[in-house]
């Protein structure tokens, strides 16, 4: 009976989330900016520096992402690469506890794989940890191949991402023994032949992938806002006797802040994803449309915040 009730509640919440997403294109840009200001640092590097410093002061870590993966010219890839180098300069200058997360398409992957490789090397050569983000399934093989190529070539400060929704992920986890891996559910809509779509199936596969990564000696960024999966993550690290320095939880900036605060209060490391850039509006629409549940979280958090002010 409890399971049935949870399923009904989940479907109801899903309908509300999707309703929020459907209305987004008609929402005035200033309202979208109000929503996005909770999970995007701002338009400029100075905004990201300020937000990361505030997170560090609250005992939280950060990974900075420069918005702008939708590129069509090599010059745009160069601009994004330069922006990441500026971020790394800021991290050093301000002594921030932060790293960076890059999308290979933003570095030129779909224009020329060699261009993306060269740009990634330039960023990695600074020495700070670099997370290679995972995008839709059309880039999965290329992303993992480049990660393995560069780590074999001596770039030991690289990490990668796996998406639990993809059916291949447990196999990929076994091939990443000892790596630094962010594990997330995945937001992309993929064909059912290659990806799970059922909520419970994705959850179950997430746990299988997490166990495979931890058993393989990986440092795992357990990236989720799902309380059930966070509890499973706690179980997994506890059963293996891991210290808080041997894994971390990860969440999006501004999403489920209450949950993130509880994770930190319980003694776990928490890293927040901090995006910034001039393409905040395009990113906001795309991110919320790709993940309706995030739209619901953000709208709900904003509504509670406004209610408390009254």
Protein backbone atom coordinates (compact mmCIF):
# COMPACT_ATOMS: atom_id res chain seq x y z
CA UNK A 1 0.00 0.00 0.00
CA UNK A 2 2.86 2.38 0.87
CA UNK A 3 4.58 1.63 -2.45
CA UNK A 4 1.36 2.33 -4.35
CA UNK A 5 0.88 5.64 -2.50
CA UNK A 6 4.44 6.69 -3.28
CA UNK A 7 3.94 5.88 -6.96
CA UNK A 8 0.75 7.95 -7.08
CA UNK A 9 2.46 10.88 -5.32
CA UNK A 10 5.45 10.60 -7.67
CA UNK A 11 3.19 10.75 -10.74
CA UNK A 12 1.34 13.77 -9.33
CA UNK A 13 4.60 15.61 -8.64
CA UNK A 14 5.82 14.71 -12.13
CA UNK A 15 2.72 16.28 -13.68
CA UNK A 16 3.28 19.48 -11.71
CA UNK A 17 6.97 19.56 -12.68
CA UNK A 18 6.15 19.13 -16.36
CA UNK A 19 3.50 21.83 -16.15
CA UNK A 20 6.18 24.22 -14.85
CA UNK A 21 8.46 23.29 -17.76
CA UNK A 22 5.71 23.66 -20.38
CA UNK A 23 5.05 27.22 -19.23
CA UNK A 24 8.71 28.28 -19.18
CA UNK A 25 9.00 29.69 -22.76
CA UNK A 26 6.05 32.00 -22.02
CA UNK A 27 7.53 33.21 -18.73
CA UNK A 28 9.12 36.70 -18.89
CA UNK A 29 12.90 36.60 -19.05
CA UNK A 30 13.22 38.53 -15.78
CA UNK A 31 11.20 35.83 -13.99
CA UNK A 32 13.36 33.07 -15.47
CA UNK A 33 16.37 35.03 -14.23
CA UNK A 34 14.89 35.06 -10.72
CA UNK A 35 14.45 31.29 -10.89
CA UNK A 36 17.88 30.68 -12.42
CA UNK A 37 19.66 32.94 -9.93
CA UNK A 38 19.27 30.17 -7.37
CA UNK A 39 21.27 27.63 -9.36
CA UNK A 40 23.46 29.77 -11.65
CA UNK A 41 26.16 31.94 -10.06
CA UNK A 42 25.73 34.74 -12.60
CA UNK A 43 27.05 36.01 -15.90
CA UNK A 44 30.65 36.73 -14.97
CA UNK A 45 33.63 35.06 -13.35
CA UNK A 46 33.40 37.45 -10.42
CA UNK A 47 29.94 36.03 -9.69
CA UNK A 48 31.36 32.50 -9.61
CA UNK A 49 34.25 33.56 -7.36
CA UNK A 50 31.84 35.11 -4.88
CA UNK A 51 29.49 32.09 -4.81
CA UNK A 52 32.32 29.57 -4.42
CA UNK A 53 33.84 31.60 -1.57
CA UNK A 54 30.45 31.62 0.18
CA UNK A 55 30.11 27.85 -0.27
CA UNK A 56 33.60 27.25 1.09
CA UNK A 57 32.80 29.39 4.12
CA UNK A 58 29.81 27.11 4.74
CA UNK A 59 31.97 24.00 4.61
CA UNK A 60 31.05 23.02 1.04
CA UNK A 61 33.20 22.31 -2.00
CA UNK A 62 32.51 23.45 -5.57
CA UNK A 63 33.04 22.56 -9.18
CA UNK A 64 32.80 25.46 -11.64
CA UNK A 65 31.24 25.10 -15.08
CA UNK A 66 31.48 27.71 -17.84
CA UNK A 67 28.21 27.78 -19.77
CA UNK A 68 28.40 27.54 -23.54
CA UNK A 69 28.59 24.01 -24.96
CA UNK A 70 26.47 25.02 -27.97
CA UNK A 71 29.28 26.16 -30.27
CA UNK A 72 29.64 26.23 -34.05
CA UNK A 73 33.12 27.72 -34.58
CA UNK A 74 36.65 26.94 -33.29
CA UNK A 75 36.86 30.52 -32.01
CA UNK A 76 34.03 29.80 -29.62
CA UNK A 77 35.85 26.73 -28.30
CA UNK A 78 38.91 28.91 -27.76
CA UNK A 79 36.81 31.45 -25.85
CA UNK A 80 35.46 28.75 -23.52
CA UNK A 81 38.92 27.28 -23.01
CA UNK A 82 40.30 30.70 -22.11
CA UNK A 83 37.42 31.18 -19.68
CA UNK A 84 38.35 27.94 -17.91
CA UNK A 85 41.97 29.04 -17.66
CA UNK A 86 40.73 32.27 -16.06
CA UNK A 87 38.65 30.21 -13.60
CA UNK A 88 41.74 28.22 -12.62
CA UNK A 89 43.68 31.45 -12.11
CA UNK A 90 40.89 32.67 -9.82
CA UNK A 91 40.84 29.41 -7.86
CA UNK A 92 44.57 29.78 -7.21
CA UNK A 93 44.45 33.49 -6.43
CA UNK A 94 41.53 33.18 -4.00
CA UNK A 95 42.67 29.81 -2.63
CA UNK A 96 39.24 28.37 -3.28
CA UNK A 97 38.36 24.75 -2.57
CA UNK A 98 37.07 24.14 -6.07
CA UNK A 99 37.77 22.35 -9.33
CA UNK A 100 36.27 22.63 -12.83
CA UNK A 101 33.85 20.61 -14.92
CA UNK A 102 34.12 20.76 -18.73
CA UNK A 103 31.90 19.59 -21.56
CA UNK A 104 33.88 18.30 -24.52
CA UNK A 105 31.40 19.71 -27.02
CA UNK A 106 32.17 23.13 -25.59
CA UNK A 107 35.85 22.49 -26.24
CA UNK A 108 35.15 21.55 -29.86
CA UNK A 109 34.44 17.80 -29.84
CA UNK A 110 31.85 17.90 -32.62
CA UNK A 111 33.92 20.28 -34.72
CA UNK A 112 37.19 18.36 -34.46
CA UNK A 113 38.08 15.75 -31.79
CA UNK A 114 41.71 16.85 -31.97
CA UNK A 115 40.66 20.41 -31.11
CA UNK A 116 38.79 19.17 -28.03
CA UNK A 117 41.78 17.04 -27.01
CA UNK A 118 44.19 19.96 -27.30
CA UNK A 119 41.91 22.31 -25.38
CA UNK A 120 41.35 19.73 -22.63
CA UNK A 121 45.10 19.27 -22.30
CA UNK A 122 45.60 23.02 -21.92
CA UNK A 123 43.13 23.08 -19.05
CA UNK A 124 44.45 19.92 -17.39
CA UNK A 125 48.05 21.13 -17.58
CA UNK A 126 47.26 23.72 -14.90
CA UNK A 127 47.24 20.88 -12.38
CA UNK A 128 43.82 21.45 -10.81
CA UNK A 129 41.38 18.54 -10.96
CA UNK A 130 39.25 18.59 -14.13
CA UNK A 131 35.96 16.71 -14.40
CA UNK A 132 35.08 15.67 -17.96
CA UNK A 133 31.31 15.95 -17.98
CA UNK A 134 29.13 13.40 -19.77
CA UNK A 135 26.65 14.55 -22.37
CA UNK A 136 24.13 12.65 -24.49
CA UNK A 137 24.86 9.11 -25.71
CA UNK A 138 26.25 10.31 -29.05
CA UNK A 139 29.35 11.47 -27.15
CA UNK A 140 29.74 8.67 -24.58
CA UNK A 141 32.32 6.58 -26.44
CA UNK A 142 34.38 9.61 -27.48
CA UNK A 143 34.34 10.99 -23.93
CA UNK A 144 35.49 7.76 -22.30
CA UNK A 145 38.10 7.13 -25.00
CA UNK A 146 39.62 10.58 -24.54
CA UNK A 147 39.58 10.19 -20.76
CA UNK A 148 41.43 6.84 -20.97
CA UNK A 149 43.86 8.21 -23.56
CA UNK A 150 44.86 11.24 -21.51
CA UNK A 151 45.06 9.43 -18.17
CA UNK A 152 47.28 6.80 -19.78
CA UNK A 153 49.38 9.68 -21.09
CA UNK A 154 50.07 11.02 -17.61
CA UNK A 155 47.17 13.36 -16.93
CA UNK A 156 46.30 12.08 -13.47
CA UNK A 157 44.10 15.03 -12.52
CA UNK A 158 41.17 14.03 -14.75
CA UNK A 159 37.85 12.52 -13.74
CA UNK A 160 34.79 11.48 -15.69
CA UNK A 161 31.02 11.06 -15.29
CA UNK A 162 28.74 8.04 -15.67
CA UNK A 163 24.96 8.16 -16.05
CA UNK A 164 22.92 5.47 -14.32
CA UNK A 165 20.13 5.72 -16.90
CA UNK A 166 22.38 4.18 -19.57
CA UNK A 167 22.30 0.38 -19.59
CA UNK A 168 26.03 0.21 -20.35
CA UNK A 169 27.05 2.06 -17.17
CA UNK A 170 27.87 -0.90 -14.91
CA UNK A 171 30.21 -2.25 -17.60
CA UNK A 172 31.80 1.18 -17.94
CA UNK A 173 32.19 1.30 -14.16
CA UNK A 174 34.19 -1.94 -14.17
CA UNK A 175 36.54 -0.41 -16.79
CA UNK A 176 37.20 2.63 -14.57
CA UNK A 177 38.82 0.90 -11.58
CA UNK A 178 40.63 3.40 -9.39
CA UNK A 179 39.24 6.43 -11.21
CA UNK A 180 37.56 9.56 -9.89
CA UNK A 181 33.97 9.25 -11.13
CA UNK A 182 30.85 11.33 -10.69
CA UNK A 183 27.79 9.09 -10.78
CA UNK A 184 24.47 10.74 -11.67
CA UNK A 185 21.11 9.52 -12.93
CA UNK A 186 21.41 11.31 -16.29
CA UNK A 187 19.07 13.94 -17.70
CA UNK A 188 19.10 13.11 -21.41
CA UNK A 189 16.15 11.44 -23.11
CA UNK A 190 17.68 8.36 -24.72
CA UNK A 191 16.19 5.45 -26.75
CA UNK A 192 14.81 2.61 -24.59
CA UNK A 193 17.22 0.20 -26.31
CA UNK A 194 20.17 1.84 -24.55
CA UNK A 195 18.65 3.49 -21.47
CA UNK A 196 16.30 2.82 -18.59
CA UNK A 197 13.33 5.14 -18.37
CA UNK A 198 11.41 3.74 -15.44
CA UNK A 199 12.14 5.66 -12.24
CA UNK A 200 12.74 2.56 -10.12
CA UNK A 201 14.88 0.92 -12.81
CA UNK A 202 17.17 3.96 -12.94
CA UNK A 203 17.43 3.97 -9.16
CA UNK A 204 18.30 0.26 -9.04
CA UNK A 205 20.92 0.65 -11.77
CA UNK A 206 22.39 3.64 -9.95
CA UNK A 207 22.97 1.49 -6.86
CA UNK A 208 24.51 -1.31 -8.93
CA UNK A 209 26.86 1.16 -10.61
CA UNK A 210 27.76 2.77 -7.27
CA UNK A 211 28.63 -0.60 -5.76
CA UNK A 212 30.72 -1.50 -8.82
CA UNK A 213 32.66 1.77 -8.66
CA UNK A 214 33.35 1.55 -4.94
CA UNK A 215 34.37 -2.11 -5.20
CA UNK A 216 36.75 -1.05 -7.96
CA UNK A 217 38.51 1.40 -5.66
CA UNK A 218 37.05 4.53 -7.27
CA UNK A 219 36.64 7.88 -5.56
CA UNK A 220 32.96 8.48 -6.27
CA UNK A 221 31.04 11.73 -6.42
CA UNK A 222 27.58 10.49 -5.47
CA UNK A 223 25.59 13.06 -7.42
CA UNK A 224 21.88 13.07 -6.61
CA UNK A 225 19.04 15.02 -4.98
CA UNK A 226 17.15 11.78 -4.38
CA UNK A 227 17.01 11.18 -0.62
CA UNK A 228 16.60 7.44 -1.11
CA UNK A 229 19.79 7.31 -3.19
CA UNK A 230 21.62 9.46 -0.67
CA UNK A 231 20.68 6.91 1.98
CA UNK A 232 21.94 4.15 -0.31
CA UNK A 233 25.17 6.09 -0.74
CA UNK A 234 25.55 6.32 3.03
CA UNK A 235 24.99 2.57 3.27
CA UNK A 236 27.52 1.81 0.55
CA UNK A 237 30.36 3.86 2.06
CA UNK A 238 29.55 2.68 5.59
CA UNK A 239 29.63 -1.00 4.60
CA UNK A 240 33.07 -0.49 3.07
CA UNK A 241 34.40 1.46 6.03
CA UNK A 242 35.31 4.48 3.90
CA UNK A 243 36.39 7.73 5.53
CA UNK A 244 34.84 11.04 4.51
CA UNK A 245 37.94 11.77 2.43
CA UNK A 246 37.36 8.75 0.17
CA UNK A 247 34.08 9.86 -1.46
CA UNK A 248 31.78 12.85 -1.67
CA UNK A 249 28.18 13.74 -2.34
CA UNK A 250 27.39 16.20 -5.12
CA UNK A 251 24.39 18.42 -5.84
CA UNK A 252 23.40 21.34 -8.04
CA UNK A 253 23.72 24.87 -6.70
CA UNK A 254 20.43 26.05 -5.24
CA UNK A 255 18.63 22.72 -5.45
CA UNK A 256 17.50 20.98 -2.24
CA UNK A 257 19.60 23.25 -0.03
CA UNK A 258 18.01 21.77 3.07
CA UNK A 259 19.09 18.30 2.05
CA UNK A 260 22.61 19.48 1.24
CA UNK A 261 22.90 21.14 4.63
CA UNK A 262 21.92 17.88 6.32
CA UNK A 263 24.54 15.97 4.33
CA UNK A 264 27.24 18.39 5.51
CA UNK A 265 25.94 18.38 9.10
CA UNK A 266 26.24 14.59 9.11
CA UNK A 267 29.96 14.86 8.36
CA UNK A 268 29.99 14.10 4.62
CA UNK A 269 31.82 16.09 1.98
CA UNK A 270 29.44 17.93 -0.35
CA UNK A 271 30.43 19.50 -3.67
CA UNK A 272 28.06 21.87 -5.46
CA UNK A 273 27.97 22.37 -9.22
CA UNK A 274 28.40 26.11 -9.89
CA UNK A 275 27.63 27.18 -13.47
CA UNK A 276 28.12 30.73 -14.71
CA UNK A 277 28.24 32.56 -18.03
CA UNK A 278 26.46 34.82 -20.48
CA UNK A 279 24.36 31.94 -21.82
CA UNK A 280 22.46 31.68 -18.53
CA UNK A 281 19.03 32.04 -20.19
CA UNK A 282 19.56 29.33 -22.81
CA UNK A 283 21.05 27.05 -20.16
CA UNK A 284 18.16 27.70 -17.80
CA UNK A 285 15.49 26.73 -20.31
CA UNK A 286 17.39 23.69 -21.51
CA UNK A 287 18.27 22.42 -18.06
CA UNK A 288 14.74 22.76 -16.73
CA UNK A 289 13.21 21.24 -19.87
CA UNK A 290 15.61 18.29 -19.76
CA UNK A 291 14.92 17.66 -16.08
CA UNK A 292 11.38 18.59 -15.06
CA UNK A 293 11.96 17.43 -11.49
CA UNK A 294 14.63 20.13 -11.07
CA UNK A 295 12.08 22.67 -12.29
CA UNK A 296 9.74 21.49 -9.56
CA UNK A 297 12.47 21.66 -6.90
CA UNK A 298 13.50 25.18 -7.89
CA UNK A 299 9.95 26.50 -8.19
CA UNK A 300 9.02 24.90 -4.85
CA UNK A 301 12.09 26.30 -3.10
CA UNK A 302 11.39 29.75 -4.54
CA UNK A 303 7.76 29.61 -3.45
CA UNK A 304 8.72 28.64 0.11
CA UNK A 305 11.27 31.43 0.19
CA UNK A 306 8.74 34.03 -0.93
CA UNK A 307 6.18 32.72 1.57
CA UNK A 308 8.64 33.09 4.46
CA UNK A 309 9.25 36.74 3.52
CA UNK A 310 5.58 37.65 3.80
